[in-house]
Amino acid sequence: MFLVSRRFFLRVIPVVLSLVGAAACDDSSPSAPSDLTVVAFGDSITAGVGTTGDNDYVERLSDRTGVSIINEGRSGDTTGSALSRLDGAVLSRDPDIVIVFLGGNDLLQSVPVQNRIANITSIVERIRAGGAAVILVGVGNGVLDPFNGTLPAIAAQTGSTLVPAVLEGILGVSSLMADLIHPNNAGHAIIADRIEPALRAALSAAGS
């Protein structure tokens, strides 16, 4: 009996090891998201101002999906200043997926609407031209929409995914805000909830 079992294991073990090795080397598998480069590009909200610990929406999305996300949020960025640093912050990384969340400071600084639209369009077009998927995140509706209702058309024209009005129901709610502008940990959890489906779909498409 011992000889039969020993022969069995001597035959089976190399086969099992070869299968495990083949699976480990299969970089094309959708279950290997660590090979993907994901960048979050935005202003102080993306940078996590108003949150404590690792509770900003970028870290929450990273934790939920298991994918490392490079945080390129910078306080004070308008669409114009973000456009000026697009090459170094985003394009130089050869990303697979970019989350673009801008426009709040354009509202606060009264940047002309046509400038905002031109800048965000250029940002998305240049990222898409590099081959990355874009998740375009809108700020709000009505007077809180920096782009005057044009984001759906921009997303459609560039083949991007739109997550509209991500701050709707967060801005002005004291339990969700750290100050008048920046959501707190609870607010960022909601932002992550709203972006997560689009990110998961993009990860699945990029990994297939």
Protein backbone atom coordinates (compact mmCIF):
# COMPACT_ATOMS: atom_id res chain seq x y z
CA MET A 1 0.00 0.00 0.00
CA PHE A 2 2.82 2.39 0.87
CA LEU A 3 4.48 1.77 -2.51
CA VAL A 4 1.29 2.54 -4.40
CA SER A 5 0.76 5.78 -2.48
CA ARG A 6 4.37 6.81 -2.97
CA ARG A 7 4.22 6.21 -6.73
CA PHE A 8 0.95 8.11 -6.90
CA PHE A 9 2.39 11.16 -5.19
CA LEU A 10 5.58 11.04 -7.27
CA ARG A 11 3.42 11.21 -10.39
CA VAL A 12 0.91 13.81 -9.18
CA ILE A 13 3.08 16.34 -7.37
CA PRO A 14 5.06 17.49 -10.47
CA VAL A 15 1.81 17.97 -12.36
CA VAL A 16 0.32 20.07 -9.57
CA LEU A 17 3.47 22.17 -9.31
CA SER A 18 3.52 22.78 -13.06
CA LEU A 19 -0.10 23.94 -13.02
CA VAL A 20 0.56 26.31 -10.11
CA GLY A 21 3.61 27.70 -11.85
CA ALA A 22 1.72 28.25 -15.09
CA ALA A 23 -1.06 30.11 -13.28
CA ALA A 24 1.45 32.31 -11.47
CA CYS A 25 3.09 33.27 -14.75
CA ASP A 26 -0.17 34.13 -16.53
CA ASP A 27 0.06 37.94 -16.48
CA SER A 28 -2.96 38.22 -18.77
CA SER A 29 -5.28 36.93 -16.08
CA PRO A 30 -7.92 39.42 -14.86
CA SER A 31 -7.05 38.21 -11.35
CA ALA A 32 -3.67 39.99 -11.55
CA PRO A 33 -4.72 43.64 -11.07
CA SER A 34 -1.39 44.51 -9.45
CA ASP A 35 0.00 44.81 -12.99
CA LEU A 36 -2.27 47.78 -13.70
CA THR A 37 -1.34 51.42 -13.08
CA VAL A 38 -4.22 53.47 -11.69
CA VAL A 39 -3.94 57.21 -10.99
CA ALA A 40 -6.36 59.50 -9.17
CA PHE A 41 -5.96 63.02 -10.56
CA GLY A 42 -7.64 65.89 -8.78
CA ASP A 43 -7.56 68.67 -6.21
CA SER A 44 -7.67 68.82 -2.40
CA ILE A 45 -10.58 66.38 -2.14
CA THR A 46 -8.56 63.75 -4.00
CA ALA A 47 -5.55 64.67 -1.84
CA GLY A 48 -7.67 63.79 1.19
CA VAL A 49 -7.96 67.17 2.89
CA GLY A 50 -10.63 66.87 5.57
CA THR A 51 -10.03 63.18 6.28
CA THR A 52 -8.07 61.39 8.98
CA GLY A 53 -6.01 58.23 8.66
CA ASP A 54 -6.34 56.38 5.37
CA ASN A 55 -10.00 57.25 4.91
CA ASP A 56 -9.92 59.40 1.78
CA TYR A 57 -11.83 58.01 -1.18
CA VAL A 58 -8.64 57.00 -3.02
CA GLU A 59 -7.40 54.81 -0.17
CA ARG A 60 -10.87 53.36 0.32
CA LEU A 61 -11.07 52.39 -3.35
CA SER A 62 -7.61 50.86 -3.16
CA ASP A 63 -8.55 48.83 -0.08
CA ARG A 64 -11.82 47.64 -1.61
CA THR A 65 -10.38 46.59 -4.97
CA GLY A 66 -6.94 45.43 -3.83
CA VAL A 67 -5.31 47.68 -6.44
CA SER A 68 -2.69 50.29 -5.59
CA ILE A 69 -3.83 53.75 -6.70
CA ILE A 70 -1.34 56.59 -7.18
CA ASN A 71 -2.78 59.70 -5.56
CA GLU A 72 -2.05 62.79 -7.65
CA GLY A 73 -4.43 65.11 -5.85
CA ARG A 74 -3.07 68.61 -5.20
CA SER A 75 -4.74 71.27 -3.08
CA GLY A 76 -5.82 74.34 -4.96
CA ASP A 77 -5.72 72.81 -8.42
CA THR A 78 -8.04 74.23 -11.04
CA THR A 79 -8.52 72.50 -14.36
CA GLY A 80 -5.92 74.89 -15.77
CA SER A 81 -3.20 74.13 -13.21
CA ALA A 82 -4.02 70.43 -13.40
CA LEU A 83 -3.61 70.55 -17.18
CA SER A 84 -0.19 72.13 -16.77
CA ARG A 85 1.05 69.22 -14.62
CA LEU A 86 -0.71 66.45 -16.55
CA ASP A 87 2.44 65.19 -18.24
CA GLY A 88 4.50 64.75 -15.09
CA ALA A 89 1.73 63.67 -12.74
CA VAL A 90 -0.18 61.30 -15.02
CA LEU A 91 1.00 60.68 -18.57
CA SER A 92 4.61 59.94 -17.60
CA ARG A 93 3.34 57.00 -15.54
CA ASP A 94 1.81 55.30 -18.60
CA PRO A 95 -1.43 54.62 -16.69
CA ASP A 96 -4.07 52.04 -17.49
CA ILE A 97 -6.88 53.87 -15.66
CA VAL A 98 -7.16 57.49 -14.53
CA ILE A 99 -9.82 58.89 -12.20
CA VAL A 100 -10.26 62.59 -13.06
CA PHE A 101 -12.03 64.65 -10.39
CA LEU A 102 -11.63 68.41 -10.91
CA GLY A 103 -13.65 71.60 -11.14
CA GLY A 104 -14.40 72.63 -7.57
CA ASN A 105 -11.67 75.27 -7.44
CA ASP A 106 -12.73 76.60 -10.84
CA LEU A 107 -16.09 77.38 -9.25
CA LEU A 108 -14.52 78.96 -6.17
CA GLN A 109 -12.15 81.08 -8.27
CA SER A 110 -14.77 82.01 -10.87
CA VAL A 111 -12.73 80.67 -13.77
CA PRO A 112 -14.66 81.38 -16.99
CA VAL A 113 -16.89 78.43 -17.85
CA GLN A 114 -15.53 78.05 -21.38
CA ASN A 115 -11.99 77.81 -19.98
CA ARG A 116 -13.09 75.08 -17.57
CA ILE A 117 -14.73 73.11 -20.35
CA ALA A 118 -11.73 73.48 -22.67
CA ASN A 119 -9.31 72.42 -19.93
CA ILE A 120 -11.22 69.34 -18.76
CA THR A 121 -11.77 68.28 -22.37
CA SER A 122 -8.06 68.57 -23.11
CA ILE A 123 -7.17 66.61 -19.96
CA VAL A 124 -9.49 63.74 -20.84
CA GLU A 125 -8.55 63.69 -24.53
CA ARG A 126 -4.83 63.56 -23.79
CA ILE A 127 -5.23 60.75 -21.26
CA ARG A 128 -7.38 58.78 -23.69
CA ALA A 129 -4.87 59.39 -26.50
CA GLY A 130 -2.29 57.63 -24.34
CA GLY A 131 -4.52 54.57 -24.18
CA ALA A 132 -5.76 54.83 -20.60
CA ALA A 133 -9.38 54.47 -19.53
CA VAL A 134 -10.84 57.58 -17.90
CA ILE A 135 -13.35 57.73 -15.08
CA LEU A 136 -14.62 61.31 -15.22
CA VAL A 137 -16.08 62.40 -11.90
CA GLY A 138 -18.57 65.26 -11.76
CA VAL A 139 -18.81 67.62 -8.78
CA GLY A 140 -22.50 68.47 -8.61
CA ASN A 141 -25.63 69.58 -10.44
CA GLY A 142 -26.98 73.01 -11.35
CA VAL A 143 -24.95 75.85 -9.84
CA LEU A 144 -22.57 73.27 -8.38
CA ASP A 145 -21.68 71.91 -11.81
CA PRO A 146 -18.44 73.61 -12.92
CA PHE A 147 -18.92 72.43 -16.50
CA ASN A 148 -22.44 73.63 -17.17
CA GLY A 149 -23.85 70.21 -18.05
CA THR A 150 -21.19 69.33 -20.64
CA LEU A 151 -19.54 66.36 -18.89
CA PRO A 152 -21.91 63.72 -20.33
CA ALA A 153 -21.05 64.85 -23.87
CA ILE A 154 -17.32 64.98 -23.09
CA ALA A 155 -17.47 61.47 -21.64
CA ALA A 156 -19.41 60.17 -24.66
CA GLN A 157 -17.11 61.82 -27.21
CA THR A 158 -13.95 60.49 -25.56
CA GLY A 159 -15.21 57.03 -24.65
CA SER A 160 -14.87 57.75 -20.94
CA THR A 161 -17.02 56.64 -18.01
CA LEU A 162 -18.93 59.39 -16.20
CA VAL A 163 -19.69 59.32 -12.49
CA PRO A 164 -22.02 62.33 -12.18
CA ALA A 165 -22.51 64.72 -9.28
CA VAL A 166 -20.43 62.74 -6.80
CA LEU A 167 -20.83 65.38 -4.07
CA GLU A 168 -24.62 65.53 -4.39
CA GLY A 169 -26.14 64.98 -0.94
CA ILE A 170 -22.75 65.45 0.73
CA LEU A 171 -22.06 69.17 0.39
CA GLY A 172 -23.92 71.11 3.06
CA VAL A 173 -24.56 68.05 5.25
CA SER A 174 -22.66 68.76 8.47
CA SER A 175 -22.24 65.10 9.43
CA LEU A 176 -20.48 64.44 6.12
CA MET A 177 -18.28 67.55 5.95
CA ALA A 178 -15.01 68.51 7.65
CA ASP A 179 -15.56 72.16 6.64
CA LEU A 180 -17.61 74.06 4.08
CA ILE A 181 -15.67 72.57 1.16
CA HIS A 182 -14.12 69.26 2.14
CA PRO A 183 -15.98 66.03 2.99
CA ASN A 184 -14.90 64.13 6.10
CA ASN A 185 -14.27 60.40 6.45
CA ALA A 186 -17.98 59.60 6.16
CA GLY A 187 -18.34 61.82 3.12
CA HIS A 188 -15.37 60.16 1.42
CA ALA A 189 -16.93 56.75 2.07
CA ILE A 190 -19.94 57.85 0.00
CA ILE A 191 -17.68 59.21 -2.75
CA ALA A 192 -15.92 55.83 -2.86
CA ASP A 193 -19.30 54.07 -3.01
CA ARG A 194 -20.24 56.08 -6.08
CA ILE A 195 -16.95 55.65 -7.95
CA GLU A 196 -16.34 51.99 -7.06
CA PRO A 197 -18.64 50.38 -9.68
CA ALA A 198 -17.01 52.34 -12.49
CA LEU A 199 -13.53 51.48 -11.20
CA ARG A 200 -14.34 47.79 -10.92
CA ALA A 201 -15.68 47.76 -14.47
CA ALA A 202 -12.54 49.51 -15.74
CA LEU A 203 -10.28 47.10 -13.87
CA SER A 204 -12.14 44.13 -15.31
CA ALA A 205 -11.88 45.52 -18.84
CA ALA A 206 -8.18 46.38 -18.45
CA GLY A 207 -7.35 43.00 -16.99
CA SER A 208 -9.21 40.92 -19.58
